[in-house]
Amino acid sequence: MVTVMKFGGTSVGSGERIRHVAKIVVNKKKEDDVVVVVSAMSEVTNALVDISQQALDVRDIAKVGDFIKFIKEKHYKAIEEAIKSEEIKEEVKVEEPKQEVKPPKKRRGRKPKNTEKGE
């Protein structure tokens, strides 16, 4: 039998909670095959919605940068709490991008060309 387990929100909201989820999965794996689905940590989905709206409304790249920093810090803290092996911690951390993130160029509204003949 296959058991599908889905975790998200507060159940994976911190490293401590992630360790707890891992124990649940390991115990279930002793009985059945397991498929695990994990969605965003607590606060992340709402933060994504908020920052995407702000980015569209005001195109404030500083706020986007602060948001990225918040998400990274939240996940790095969870890594520190959840994983005991230093070797594994280093494997799961993502390197900083080599180039600076730039704001998107503003689109200028253009009217489509009329391709109908006779006008």
PDB file of N, CA and C in Angstrom:
ATOM      1  N   MET A   1       0.834  -1.176   0.000  1.00  0.00           N
ATOM      2  CA  MET A   1       0.000   0.000   0.000  1.00  0.00           C
ATOM      3  C   MET A   1       0.887   1.252   0.000  1.00  0.00           C
ATOM      4  N   VAL A   2       0.388   2.307  -0.631  1.00  0.00           N
ATOM      5  CA  VAL A   2       1.092   3.581  -0.669  1.00  0.00           C
ATOM      6  C   VAL A   2       0.288   4.602   0.133  1.00  0.00           C
ATOM      7  N   THR A   3       0.965   5.297   1.015  1.00  0.00           N
ATOM      8  CA  THR A   3       0.331   6.357   1.776  1.00  0.00           C
ATOM      9  C   THR A   3       0.865   7.696   1.291  1.00  0.00           C
ATOM     10  N   VAL A   4      -0.037   8.612   0.954  1.00  0.00           N
ATOM     11  CA  VAL A   4       0.350   9.960   0.553  1.00  0.00           C
ATOM     12  C   VAL A   4       0.149  10.862   1.761  1.00  0.00           C
ATOM     13  N   MET A   5       1.200  11.578   2.122  1.00  0.00           N
ATOM     14  CA  MET A   5       1.148  12.475   3.274  1.00  0.00           C
ATOM     15  C   MET A   5       1.465  13.887   2.795  1.00  0.00           C
ATOM     16  N   LYS A   6       0.633  14.852   3.192  1.00  0.00           N
ATOM     17  CA  LYS A   6       0.830  16.242   2.781  1.00  0.00           C
ATOM     18  C   LYS A   6       1.033  17.101   4.016  1.00  0.00           C
ATOM     19  N   PHE A   7       2.090  17.903   4.002  1.00  0.00           N
ATOM     20  CA  PHE A   7       2.402  18.788   5.120  1.00  0.00           C
ATOM     21  C   PHE A   7       2.638  20.190   4.589  1.00  0.00           C
ATOM     22  N   GLY A   8       2.226  21.182   5.356  1.00  0.00           N
ATOM     23  CA  GLY A   8       2.465  22.568   4.978  1.00  0.00           C
ATOM     24  C   GLY A   8       2.085  23.483   6.122  1.00  0.00           C
ATOM     25  N   GLY A   9       2.330  24.768   5.920  1.00  0.00           N
ATOM     26  CA  GLY A   9       1.963  25.758   6.932  1.00  0.00           C
ATOM     27  C   GLY A   9       2.712  25.564   8.230  1.00  0.00           C
ATOM     28  N   THR A  10       1.967  25.580   9.340  1.00  0.00           N
ATOM     29  CA  THR A  10       2.612  25.487  10.650  1.00  0.00           C
ATOM     30  C   THR A  10       3.252  24.126  10.899  1.00  0.00           C
ATOM     31  N   SER A  11       2.793  23.085  10.199  1.00  0.00           N
ATOM     32  CA  SER A  11       3.400  21.768  10.424  1.00  0.00           C
ATOM     33  C   SER A  11       4.831  21.704   9.902  1.00  0.00           C
ATOM     34  N   VAL A  12       5.200  22.627   9.013  1.00  0.00           N
ATOM     35  CA  VAL A  12       6.589  22.744   8.552  1.00  0.00           C
ATOM     36  C   VAL A  12       7.089  24.178   8.751  1.00  0.00           C
ATOM     37  N   GLY A  13       6.553  24.843   9.767  1.00  0.00           N
ATOM     38  CA  GLY A  13       6.835  26.256   9.989  1.00  0.00           C
ATOM     39  C   GLY A  13       8.171  26.575  10.631  1.00  0.00           C
ATOM     40  N   SER A  14       8.869  25.563  11.114  1.00  0.00           N
ATOM     41  CA  SER A  14      10.192  25.774  11.726  1.00  0.00           C
ATOM     42  C   SER A  14      10.997  24.491  11.568  1.00  0.00           C
ATOM     43  N   GLY A  15      12.273  24.593  11.847  1.00  0.00           N
ATOM     44  CA  GLY A  15      13.117  23.402  11.782  1.00  0.00           C
ATOM     45  C   GLY A  15      12.661  22.322  12.743  1.00  0.00           C
ATOM     46  N   GLU A  16      12.256  22.742  13.926  1.00  0.00           N
ATOM     47  CA  GLU A  16      11.766  21.784  14.920  1.00  0.00           C
ATOM     48  C   GLU A  16      10.532  21.044  14.396  1.00  0.00           C
ATOM     49  N   ARG A  17       9.626  21.775  13.776  1.00  0.00           N
ATOM     50  CA  ARG A  17       8.414  21.155  13.225  1.00  0.00           C
ATOM     51  C   ARG A  17       8.760  20.236  12.041  1.00  0.00           C
ATOM     52  N   ILE A  18       9.731  20.617  11.247  1.00  0.00           N
ATOM     53  CA  ILE A  18      10.159  19.785  10.115  1.00  0.00           C
ATOM     54  C   ILE A  18      10.740  18.474  10.632  1.00  0.00           C
ATOM     55  N   ARG A  19      11.533  18.543  11.698  1.00  0.00           N
ATOM     56  CA  ARG A  19      12.071  17.304  12.306  1.00  0.00           C
ATOM     57  C   ARG A  19      10.933  16.404  12.778  1.00  0.00           C
ATOM     58  N   HIS A  20       9.901  16.987  13.358  1.00  0.00           N
ATOM     59  CA  HIS A  20       8.746  16.218  13.819  1.00  0.00           C
ATOM     60  C   HIS A  20       8.054  15.529  12.628  1.00  0.00           C
ATOM     61  N   VAL A  21       7.859  16.276  11.541  1.00  0.00           N
ATOM     62  CA  VAL A  21       7.262  15.701  10.336  1.00  0.00           C
ATOM     63  C   VAL A  21       8.115  14.559   9.809  1.00  0.00           C
ATOM     64  N   ALA A  22       9.423  14.747   9.815  1.00  0.00           N
ATOM     65  CA  ALA A  22      10.330  13.696   9.337  1.00  0.00           C
ATOM     66  C   ALA A  22      10.175  12.421  10.154  1.00  0.00           C
ATOM     67  N   LYS A  23      10.017  12.565  11.461  1.00  0.00           N
ATOM     68  CA  LYS A  23       9.810  11.389  12.320  1.00  0.00           C
ATOM     69  C   LYS A  23       8.500  10.682  11.968  1.00  0.00           C
ATOM     70  N   ILE A  24       7.453  11.454  11.719  1.00  0.00           N
ATOM     71  CA  ILE A  24       6.164  10.865  11.322  1.00  0.00           C
ATOM     72  C   ILE A  24       6.329  10.062  10.033  1.00  0.00           C
ATOM     73  N   VAL A  25       7.021  10.642   9.066  1.00  0.00           N
ATOM     74  CA  VAL A  25       7.225   9.979   7.775  1.00  0.00           C
ATOM     75  C   VAL A  25       8.050   8.700   7.946  1.00  0.00           C
ATOM     76  N   VAL A  26       9.130   8.787   8.709  1.00  0.00           N
ATOM     77  CA  VAL A  26       9.988   7.610   8.934  1.00  0.00           C
ATOM     78  C   VAL A  26       9.192   6.491   9.597  1.00  0.00           C
ATOM     79  N   ASN A  27       8.378   6.825  10.587  1.00  0.00           N
ATOM     80  CA  ASN A  27       7.561   5.802  11.247  1.00  0.00           C
ATOM     81  C   ASN A  27       6.546   5.184  10.302  1.00  0.00           C
ATOM     82  N   LYS A  28       5.922   5.988   9.465  1.00  0.00           N
ATOM     83  CA  LYS A  28       4.939   5.469   8.507  1.00  0.00           C
ATOM     84  C   LYS A  28       5.626   4.606   7.453  1.00  0.00           C
ATOM     85  N   LYS A  29       6.844   4.969   7.099  1.00  0.00           N
ATOM     86  CA  LYS A  29       7.608   4.220   6.093  1.00  0.00           C
ATOM     87  C   LYS A  29       7.873   2.785   6.548  1.00  0.00           C
ATOM     88  N   LYS A  30       7.861   2.556   7.842  1.00  0.00           N
ATOM     89  CA  LYS A  30       8.052   1.201   8.364  1.00  0.00           C
ATOM     90  C   LYS A  30       6.882   0.297   8.007  1.00  0.00           C
ATOM     91  N   GLU A  31       5.708   0.890   7.789  1.00  0.00           N
ATOM     92  CA  GLU A  31       4.491   0.137   7.481  1.00  0.00           C
ATOM     93  C   GLU A  31       4.169   0.093   5.988  1.00  0.00           C
ATOM     94  N   ASP A  32       4.341   1.212   5.292  1.00  0.00           N
ATOM     95  CA  ASP A  32       3.908   1.366   3.900  1.00  0.00           C
ATOM     96  C   ASP A  32       4.960   2.119   3.095  1.00  0.00           C
ATOM     97  N   ASP A  33       4.765   2.100   1.765  1.00  0.00           N
ATOM     98  CA  ASP A  33       5.497   3.034   0.923  1.00  0.00           C
ATOM     99  C   ASP A  33       4.868   4.403   1.154  1.00  0.00           C
ATOM    100  N   VAL A  34       5.682   5.432   1.093  1.00  0.00           N
ATOM    101  CA  VAL A  34       5.197   6.765   1.426  1.00  0.00           C
ATOM    102  C   VAL A  34       5.545   7.744   0.312  1.00  0.00           C
ATOM    103  N   VAL A  35       4.576   8.580  -0.034  1.00  0.00           N
ATOM    104  CA  VAL A  35       4.796   9.725  -0.905  1.00  0.00           C
ATOM    105  C   VAL A  35       4.523  10.952  -0.047  1.00  0.00           C
ATOM    106  N   VAL A  36       5.476  11.887  -0.017  1.00  0.00           N
ATOM    107  CA  VAL A  36       5.334  13.075   0.816  1.00  0.00           C
ATOM    108  C   VAL A  36       5.225  14.309  -0.076  1.00  0.00           C
ATOM    109  N   VAL A  37       4.215  15.109   0.203  1.00  0.00           N
ATOM    110  CA  VAL A  37       4.006  16.379  -0.485  1.00  0.00           C
ATOM    111  C   VAL A  37       4.171  17.477   0.561  1.00  0.00           C
ATOM    112  N   VAL A  38       5.010  18.455   0.254  1.00  0.00           N
ATOM    113  CA  VAL A  38       5.256  19.531   1.204  1.00  0.00           C
ATOM    114  C   VAL A  38       4.969  20.861   0.510  1.00  0.00           C
ATOM    115  N   SER A  39       4.135  21.676   1.153  1.00  0.00           N
ATOM    116  CA  SER A  39       3.883  23.015   0.622  1.00  0.00           C
ATOM    117  C   SER A  39       4.654  24.028   1.464  1.00  0.00           C
ATOM    118  N   ALA A  40       4.357  25.274   1.290  1.00  0.00           N
ATOM    119  CA  ALA A  40       5.136  26.349   1.916  1.00  0.00           C
ATOM    120  C   ALA A  40       5.079  26.337   3.439  1.00  0.00           C
ATOM    121  N   MET A  41       6.165  26.838   4.018  1.00  0.00           N
ATOM    122  CA  MET A  41       6.226  27.033   5.470  1.00  0.00           C
ATOM    123  C   MET A  41       5.210  28.101   5.872  1.00  0.00           C
ATOM    124  N   SER A  42       4.847  28.111   7.148  1.00  0.00           N
ATOM    125  CA  SER A  42       3.913  29.128   7.631  1.00  0.00           C
ATOM    126  C   SER A  42       4.450  30.520   7.306  1.00  0.00           C
ATOM    127  N   GLU A  43       3.566  31.419   6.989  1.00  0.00           N
ATOM    128  CA  GLU A  43       3.826  32.817   6.641  1.00  0.00           C
ATOM    129  C   GLU A  43       4.309  33.017   5.213  1.00  0.00           C
ATOM    130  N   VAL A  44       4.810  31.983   4.558  1.00  0.00           N
ATOM    131  CA  VAL A  44       5.428  32.166   3.252  1.00  0.00           C
ATOM    132  C   VAL A  44       4.395  32.430   2.159  1.00  0.00           C
ATOM    133  N   THR A  45       3.318  31.672   2.105  1.00  0.00           N
ATOM    134  CA  THR A  45       2.317  31.866   1.051  1.00  0.00           C
ATOM    135  C   THR A  45       1.722  33.271   1.129  1.00  0.00           C
ATOM    136  N   ASN A  46       1.321  33.688   2.321  1.00  0.00           N
ATOM    137  CA  ASN A  46       0.759  35.037   2.466  1.00  0.00           C
ATOM    138  C   ASN A  46       1.787  36.095   2.096  1.00  0.00           C
ATOM    139  N   ALA A  47       3.034  35.879   2.478  1.00  0.00           N
ATOM    140  CA  ALA A  47       4.084  36.835   2.142  1.00  0.00           C
ATOM    141  C   ALA A  47       4.298  36.912   0.628  1.00  0.00           C
ATOM    142  N   LEU A  48       4.212  35.782  -0.060  1.00  0.00           N
ATOM    143  CA  LEU A  48       4.337  35.779  -1.525  1.00  0.00           C
ATOM    144  C   LEU A  48       3.215  36.585  -2.174  1.00  0.00           C
ATOM    145  N   VAL A  49       2.010  36.396  -1.693  1.00  0.00           N
ATOM    146  CA  VAL A  49       0.867  37.144  -2.230  1.00  0.00           C
ATOM    147  C   VAL A  49       1.065  38.637  -1.988  1.00  0.00           C
ATOM    148  N   ASP A  50       1.443  38.992  -0.768  1.00  0.00           N
ATOM    149  CA  ASP A  50       1.635  40.410  -0.425  1.00  0.00           C
ATOM    150  C   ASP A  50       2.721  41.056  -1.271  1.00  0.00           C
ATOM    151  N   ILE A  51       3.871  40.396  -1.381  1.00  0.00           N
ATOM    152  CA  ILE A  51       4.982  41.018  -2.107  1.00  0.00           C
ATOM    153  C   ILE A  51       4.700  41.081  -3.603  1.00  0.00           C
ATOM    154  N   SER A  52       3.992  40.100  -4.133  1.00  0.00           N
ATOM    155  CA  SER A  52       3.669  40.165  -5.566  1.00  0.00           C
ATOM    156  C   SER A  52       2.737  41.329  -5.848  1.00  0.00           C
ATOM    157  N   GLN A  53       1.786  41.582  -4.955  1.00  0.00           N
ATOM    158  CA  GLN A  53       0.887  42.720  -5.138  1.00  0.00           C
ATOM    159  C   GLN A  53       1.653  44.038  -5.024  1.00  0.00           C
ATOM    160  N   GLN A  54       2.539  44.117  -4.030  1.00  0.00           N
ATOM    161  CA  GLN A  54       3.340  45.336  -3.869  1.00  0.00           C
ATOM    162  C   GLN A  54       4.242  45.562  -5.071  1.00  0.00           C
ATOM    163  N   ALA A  55       4.806  44.483  -5.587  1.00  0.00           N
ATOM    164  CA  ALA A  55       5.699  44.618  -6.743  1.00  0.00           C
ATOM    165  C   ALA A  55       4.932  45.142  -7.950  1.00  0.00           C
ATOM    166  N   LEU A  56       3.704  44.701  -8.110  1.00  0.00           N
ATOM    167  CA  LEU A  56       2.886  45.182  -9.224  1.00  0.00           C
ATOM    168  C   LEU A  56       2.436  46.621  -9.013  1.00  0.00           C
ATOM    169  N   ASP A  57       2.084  46.956  -7.782  1.00  0.00           N
ATOM    170  CA  ASP A  57       1.540  48.280  -7.491  1.00  0.00           C
ATOM    171  C   ASP A  57       2.594  49.375  -7.508  1.00  0.00           C
ATOM    172  N   VAL A  58       3.698  49.158  -6.835  1.00  0.00           N
ATOM    173  CA  VAL A  58       4.667  50.243  -6.667  1.00  0.00           C
ATOM    174  C   VAL A  58       6.039  49.943  -7.261  1.00  0.00           C
ATOM    175  N   ARG A  59       6.250  48.723  -7.680  1.00  0.00           N
ATOM    176  CA  ARG A  59       7.538  48.319  -8.259  1.00  0.00           C
ATOM    177  C   ARG A  59       8.711  48.748  -7.367  1.00  0.00           C
ATOM    178  N   ASP A  60       8.566  48.498  -6.062  1.00  0.00           N
ATOM    179  CA  ASP A  60       9.587  48.879  -5.086  1.00  0.00           C
ATOM    180  C   ASP A  60      10.571  47.724  -4.934  1.00  0.00           C
ATOM    181  N   ILE A  61      11.697  47.818  -5.626  1.00  0.00           N
ATOM    182  CA  ILE A  61      12.670  46.740  -5.651  1.00  0.00           C
ATOM    183  C   ILE A  61      13.293  46.528  -4.271  1.00  0.00           C
ATOM    184  N   ALA A  62      13.347  47.569  -3.452  1.00  0.00           N
ATOM    185  CA  ALA A  62      13.891  47.419  -2.097  1.00  0.00           C
ATOM    186  C   ALA A  62      13.005  46.494  -1.267  1.00  0.00           C
ATOM    187  N   LYS A  63      11.689  46.632  -1.406  1.00  0.00           N
ATOM    188  CA  LYS A  63      10.773  45.755  -0.679  1.00  0.00           C
ATOM    189  C   LYS A  63      10.915  44.317  -1.152  1.00  0.00           C
ATOM    190  N   VAL A  64      11.097  44.143  -2.439  1.00  0.00           N
ATOM    191  CA  VAL A  64      11.298  42.797  -2.977  1.00  0.00           C
ATOM    192  C   VAL A  64      12.583  42.205  -2.413  1.00  0.00           C
ATOM    193  N   GLY A  65      13.640  43.010  -2.354  1.00  0.00           N
ATOM    194  CA  GLY A  65      14.904  42.557  -1.770  1.00  0.00           C
ATOM    195  C   GLY A  65      14.748  42.171  -0.307  1.00  0.00           C
ATOM    196  N   ASP A  66      13.993  42.982   0.449  1.00  0.00           N
ATOM    197  CA  ASP A  66      13.733  42.660   1.856  1.00  0.00           C
ATOM    198  C   ASP A  66      12.955  41.355   1.980  1.00  0.00           C
ATOM    199  N   PHE A  67      12.008  41.153   1.084  1.00  0.00           N
ATOM    200  CA  PHE A  67      11.215  39.923   1.085  1.00  0.00           C
ATOM    201  C   PHE A  67      12.104  38.705   0.828  1.00  0.00           C
ATOM    202  N   ILE A  68      12.969  38.806  -0.150  1.00  0.00           N
ATOM    203  CA  ILE A  68      13.877  37.698  -0.471  1.00  0.00           C
ATOM    204  C   ILE A  68      14.761  37.389   0.738  1.00  0.00           C
ATOM    205  N   LYS A  69      15.241  38.439   1.398  1.00  0.00           N
ATOM    206  CA  LYS A  69      16.063  38.253   2.593  1.00  0.00           C
ATOM    207  C   LYS A  69      15.262  37.543   3.686  1.00  0.00           C
ATOM    208  N   PHE A  70      14.010  37.952   3.895  1.00  0.00           N
ATOM    209  CA  PHE A  70      13.134  37.323   4.892  1.00  0.00           C
ATOM    210  C   PHE A  70      12.957  35.834   4.605  1.00  0.00           C
ATOM    211  N   ILE A  71      12.672  35.490   3.350  1.00  0.00           N
ATOM    212  CA  ILE A  71      12.450  34.092   2.966  1.00  0.00           C
ATOM    213  C   ILE A  71      13.730  33.278   3.181  1.00  0.00           C
ATOM    214  N   LYS A  72      14.859  33.813   2.754  1.00  0.00           N
ATOM    215  CA  LYS A  72      16.136  33.107   2.940  1.00  0.00           C
ATOM    216  C   LYS A  72      16.416  32.862   4.416  1.00  0.00           C
ATOM    217  N   GLU A  73      16.272  33.909   5.219  1.00  0.00           N
ATOM    218  CA  GLU A  73      16.566  33.775   6.651  1.00  0.00           C
ATOM    219  C   GLU A  73      15.648  32.748   7.305  1.00  0.00           C
ATOM    220  N   LYS A  74      14.381  32.752   6.946  1.00  0.00           N
ATOM    221  CA  LYS A  74      13.415  31.797   7.496  1.00  0.00           C
ATOM    222  C   LYS A  74      13.831  30.370   7.159  1.00  0.00           C
ATOM    223  N   HIS A  75      14.216  30.145   5.913  1.00  0.00           N
ATOM    224  CA  HIS A  75      14.597  28.798   5.485  1.00  0.00           C
ATOM    225  C   HIS A  75      15.961  28.383   6.047  1.00  0.00           C
ATOM    226  N   TYR A  76      16.912  29.306   6.091  1.00  0.00           N
ATOM    227  CA  TYR A  76      18.210  28.964   6.678  1.00  0.00           C
ATOM    228  C   TYR A  76      18.073  28.640   8.164  1.00  0.00           C
ATOM    229  N   LYS A  77      17.223  29.370   8.867  1.00  0.00           N
ATOM    230  CA  LYS A  77      16.987  29.072  10.274  1.00  0.00           C
ATOM    231  C   LYS A  77      16.382  27.673  10.412  1.00  0.00           C
ATOM    232  N   ALA A  78      15.440  27.346   9.539  1.00  0.00           N
ATOM    233  CA  ALA A  78      14.830  26.010   9.581  1.00  0.00           C
ATOM    234  C   ALA A  78      15.871  24.928   9.297  1.00  0.00           C
ATOM    235  N   ILE A  79      16.776  25.197   8.360  1.00  0.00           N
ATOM    236  CA  ILE A  79      17.853  24.235   8.073  1.00  0.00           C
ATOM    237  C   ILE A  79      18.686  24.008   9.328  1.00  0.00           C
ATOM    238  N   GLU A  80      19.062  25.090   9.995  1.00  0.00           N
ATOM    239  CA  GLU A  80      19.883  24.979  11.205  1.00  0.00           C
ATOM    240  C   GLU A  80      19.180  24.173  12.286  1.00  0.00           C
ATOM    241  N   GLU A  81      17.871  24.362  12.441  1.00  0.00           N
ATOM    242  CA  GLU A  81      17.105  23.662  13.466  1.00  0.00           C
ATOM    243  C   GLU A  81      16.831  22.201  13.097  1.00  0.00           C
ATOM    244  N   ALA A  82      16.586  21.958  11.814  1.00  0.00           N
ATOM    245  CA  ALA A  82      16.115  20.636  11.398  1.00  0.00           C
ATOM    246  C   ALA A  82      17.238  19.638  11.141  1.00  0.00           C
ATOM    247  N   ILE A  83      18.363  20.121  10.663  1.00  0.00           N
ATOM    248  CA  ILE A  83      19.426  19.218  10.213  1.00  0.00           C
ATOM    249  C   ILE A  83      20.609  19.295  11.167  1.00  0.00           C
ATOM    250  N   LYS A  84      21.019  18.157  11.664  1.00  0.00           N
ATOM    251  CA  LYS A  84      22.141  18.116  12.611  1.00  0.00           C
ATOM    252  C   LYS A  84      23.496  17.989  11.915  1.00  0.00           C
ATOM    253  N   SER A  85      23.545  17.310  10.780  1.00  0.00           N
ATOM    254  CA  SER A  85      24.798  17.079  10.061  1.00  0.00           C
ATOM    255  C   SER A  85      25.250  18.343   9.329  1.00  0.00           C
ATOM    256  N   GLU A  86      26.453  18.808   9.647  1.00  0.00           N
ATOM    257  CA  GLU A  86      26.992  20.002   8.987  1.00  0.00           C
ATOM    258  C   GLU A  86      27.176  19.759   7.485  1.00  0.00           C
ATOM    259  N   GLU A  87      27.571  18.551   7.117  1.00  0.00           N
ATOM    260  CA  GLU A  87      27.778  18.218   5.699  1.00  0.00           C
ATOM    261  C   GLU A  87      26.468  18.359   4.918  1.00  0.00           C
ATOM    262  N   ILE A  88      25.386  17.835   5.470  1.00  0.00           N
ATOM    263  CA  ILE A  88      24.087  17.927   4.798  1.00  0.00           C
ATOM    264  C   ILE A  88      23.601  19.377   4.768  1.00  0.00           C
ATOM    265  N   LYS A  89      23.815  20.122   5.836  1.00  0.00           N
ATOM    266  CA  LYS A  89      23.425  21.534   5.856  1.00  0.00           C
ATOM    267  C   LYS A  89      24.052  22.283   4.688  1.00  0.00           C
ATOM    268  N   GLU A  90      25.334  22.050   4.457  1.00  0.00           N
ATOM    269  CA  GLU A  90      26.024  22.732   3.371  1.00  0.00           C
ATOM    270  C   GLU A  90      25.486  22.303   2.005  1.00  0.00           C
ATOM    271  N   GLU A  91      25.091  21.047   1.877  1.00  0.00           N
ATOM    272  CA  GLU A  91      24.550  20.559   0.607  1.00  0.00           C
ATOM    273  C   GLU A  91      23.229  21.221   0.249  1.00  0.00           C
ATOM    274  N   VAL A  92      22.399  21.510   1.247  1.00  0.00           N
ATOM    275  CA  VAL A  92      21.072  22.042   0.952  1.00  0.00           C
ATOM    276  C   VAL A  92      21.013  23.559   0.865  1.00  0.00           C
ATOM    277  N   LYS A  93      22.052  24.245   1.295  1.00  0.00           N
ATOM    278  CA  LYS A  93      22.058  25.698   1.186  1.00  0.00           C
ATOM    279  C   LYS A  93      22.365  26.115  -0.246  1.00  0.00           C
ATOM    280  N   VAL A  94      21.691  27.168  -0.686  1.00  0.00           N
ATOM    281  CA  VAL A  94      21.839  27.663  -2.049  1.00  0.00           C
ATOM    282  C   VAL A  94      22.840  28.812  -2.056  1.00  0.00           C
ATOM    283  N   GLU A  95      23.690  28.825  -3.065  1.00  0.00           N
ATOM    284  CA  GLU A  95      24.659  29.913  -3.189  1.00  0.00           C
ATOM    285  C   GLU A  95      23.956  31.187  -3.641  1.00  0.00           C
ATOM    286  N   GLU A  96      24.547  32.315  -3.294  1.00  0.00           N
ATOM    287  CA  GLU A  96      24.029  33.609  -3.725  1.00  0.00           C
ATOM    288  C   GLU A  96      24.177  33.728  -5.240  1.00  0.00           C
ATOM    289  N   PRO A  97      23.231  34.389  -5.901  1.00  0.00           N
ATOM    290  CA  PRO A  97      23.367  34.574  -7.349  1.00  0.00           C
ATOM    291  C   PRO A  97      24.588  35.426  -7.672  1.00  0.00           C
ATOM    292  N   LYS A  98      25.195  35.156  -8.814  1.00  0.00           N
ATOM    293  CA  LYS A  98      26.413  35.851  -9.211  1.00  0.00           C
ATOM    294  C   LYS A  98      26.144  37.284  -9.675  1.00  0.00           C
ATOM    295  N   GLN A  99      24.920  37.544 -10.159  1.00  0.00           N
ATOM    296  CA  GLN A  99      24.638  38.887 -10.648  1.00  0.00           C
ATOM    297  C   GLN A  99      23.506  39.525  -9.862  1.00  0.00           C
ATOM    298  N   GLU A 100      23.511  40.841  -9.867  1.00  0.00           N
ATOM    299  CA  GLU A 100      22.524  41.613  -9.121  1.00  0.00           C
ATOM    300  C   GLU A 100      21.136  41.463  -9.752  1.00  0.00           C
ATOM    301  N   VAL A 101      20.130  41.383  -8.906  1.00  0.00           N
ATOM    302  CA  VAL A 101      18.753  41.331  -9.392  1.00  0.00           C
ATOM    303  C   VAL A 101      18.323  42.747  -9.725  1.00  0.00           C
ATOM    304  N   LYS A 102      17.820  42.944 -10.930  1.00  0.00           N
ATOM    305  CA  LYS A 102      17.408  44.273 -11.365  1.00  0.00           C
ATOM    306  C   LYS A 102      15.893  44.327 -11.479  1.00  0.00           C
ATOM    307  N   PRO A 103      15.328  45.512 -11.259  1.00  0.00           N
ATOM    308  CA  PRO A 103      13.875  45.623 -11.388  1.00  0.00           C
ATOM    309  C   PRO A 103      13.446  45.416 -12.830  1.00  0.00           C
ATOM    310  N   PRO A 104      12.215  44.920 -13.026  1.00  0.00           N
ATOM    311  CA  PRO A 104      11.752  44.735 -14.391  1.00  0.00           C
ATOM    312  C   PRO A 104      11.560  46.087 -15.075  1.00  0.00           C
ATOM    313  N   LYS A 105      11.775  46.103 -16.377  1.00  0.00           N
ATOM    314  CA  LYS A 105      11.570  47.334 -17.138  1.00  0.00           C
ATOM    315  C   LYS A 105      10.082  47.621 -17.212  1.00  0.00           C
ATOM    316  N   LYS A 106       9.761  48.896 -17.162  1.00  0.00           N
ATOM    317  CA  LYS A 106       8.360  49.278 -17.265  1.00  0.00           C
ATOM    318  C   LYS A 106       7.888  49.058 -18.691  1.00  0.00           C
ATOM    319  N   ARG A 107       6.702  48.480 -18.795  1.00  0.00           N
ATOM    320  CA  ARG A 107       6.120  48.276 -20.120  1.00  0.00           C
ATOM    321  C   ARG A 107       5.381  49.527 -20.533  1.00  0.00           C
ATOM    322  N   ARG A 108       5.534  49.865 -21.773  1.00  0.00           N
ATOM    323  CA  ARG A 108       4.806  51.005 -22.301  1.00  0.00           C
ATOM    324  C   ARG A 108       3.628  50.486 -23.085  1.00  0.00           C
ATOM    325  N   GLY A 109       2.508  51.074 -22.836  1.00  0.00           N
ATOM    326  CA  GLY A 109       1.301  50.630 -23.537  1.00  0.00           C
ATOM    327  C   GLY A 109       1.361  51.002 -25.004  1.00  0.00           C
ATOM    328  N   ARG A 110       1.312  50.016 -25.846  1.00  0.00           N
ATOM    329  CA  ARG A 110       1.298  50.256 -27.290  1.00  0.00           C
ATOM    330  C   ARG A 110       0.014  49.713 -27.863  1.00  0.00           C
ATOM    331  N   LYS A 111      -0.527  50.467 -28.762  1.00  0.00           N
ATOM    332  CA  LYS A 111      -1.711  49.984 -29.425  1.00  0.00           C
ATOM    333  C   LYS A 111      -1.287  49.043 -30.537  1.00  0.00           C
ATOM    334  N   PRO A 112      -1.999  47.929 -30.690  1.00  0.00           N
ATOM    335  CA  PRO A 112      -1.637  47.008 -31.769  1.00  0.00           C
ATOM    336  C   PRO A 112      -1.879  47.665 -33.123  1.00  0.00           C
ATOM    337  N   LYS A 113      -1.004  47.338 -34.051  1.00  0.00           N
ATOM    338  CA  LYS A 113      -1.155  47.861 -35.405  1.00  0.00           C
ATOM    339  C   LYS A 113      -2.377  47.238 -36.045  1.00  0.00           C
ATOM    340  N   ASN A 114      -3.073  48.042 -36.801  1.00  0.00           N
ATOM    341  CA  ASN A 114      -4.242  47.550 -37.512  1.00  0.00           C
ATOM    342  C   ASN A 114      -3.755  46.937 -38.820  1.00  0.00           C
ATOM    343  N   THR A 115      -3.944  45.630 -38.951  1.00  0.00           N
ATOM    344  CA  THR A 115      -3.447  44.947 -40.135  1.00  0.00           C
ATOM    345  C   THR A 115      -4.530  44.712 -41.184  1.00  0.00           C
ATOM    346  N   GLU A 116      -5.748  45.219 -40.885  1.00  0.00           N
ATOM    347  CA  GLU A 116      -6.821  45.048 -41.868  1.00  0.00           C
ATOM    348  C   GLU A 116      -6.621  46.014 -43.017  1.00  0.00           C
ATOM    349  N   LYS A 117      -6.909  45.542 -44.243  1.00  0.00           N
ATOM    350  CA  LYS A 117      -6.745  46.388 -45.423  1.00  0.00           C
ATOM    351  C   LYS A 117      -7.984  47.243 -45.603  1.00  0.00           C
ATOM    352  N   GLY A 118      -7.800  48.330 -46.289  1.00  0.00           N
ATOM    353  CA  GLY A 118      -8.915  49.197 -46.636  1.00  0.00           C
ATOM    354  C   GLY A 118      -9.160  50.298 -45.621  1.00  0.00           C
ATOM    355  N   GLU A 119      -8.315  50.481 -44.687  1.00  0.00           N
ATOM    356  CA  GLU A 119      -8.503  51.567 -43.715  1.00  0.00           C
ATOM    357  C   GLU A 119      -7.465  52.607 -43.897  1.00  0.00           C
TER     358      GLU A 119
END
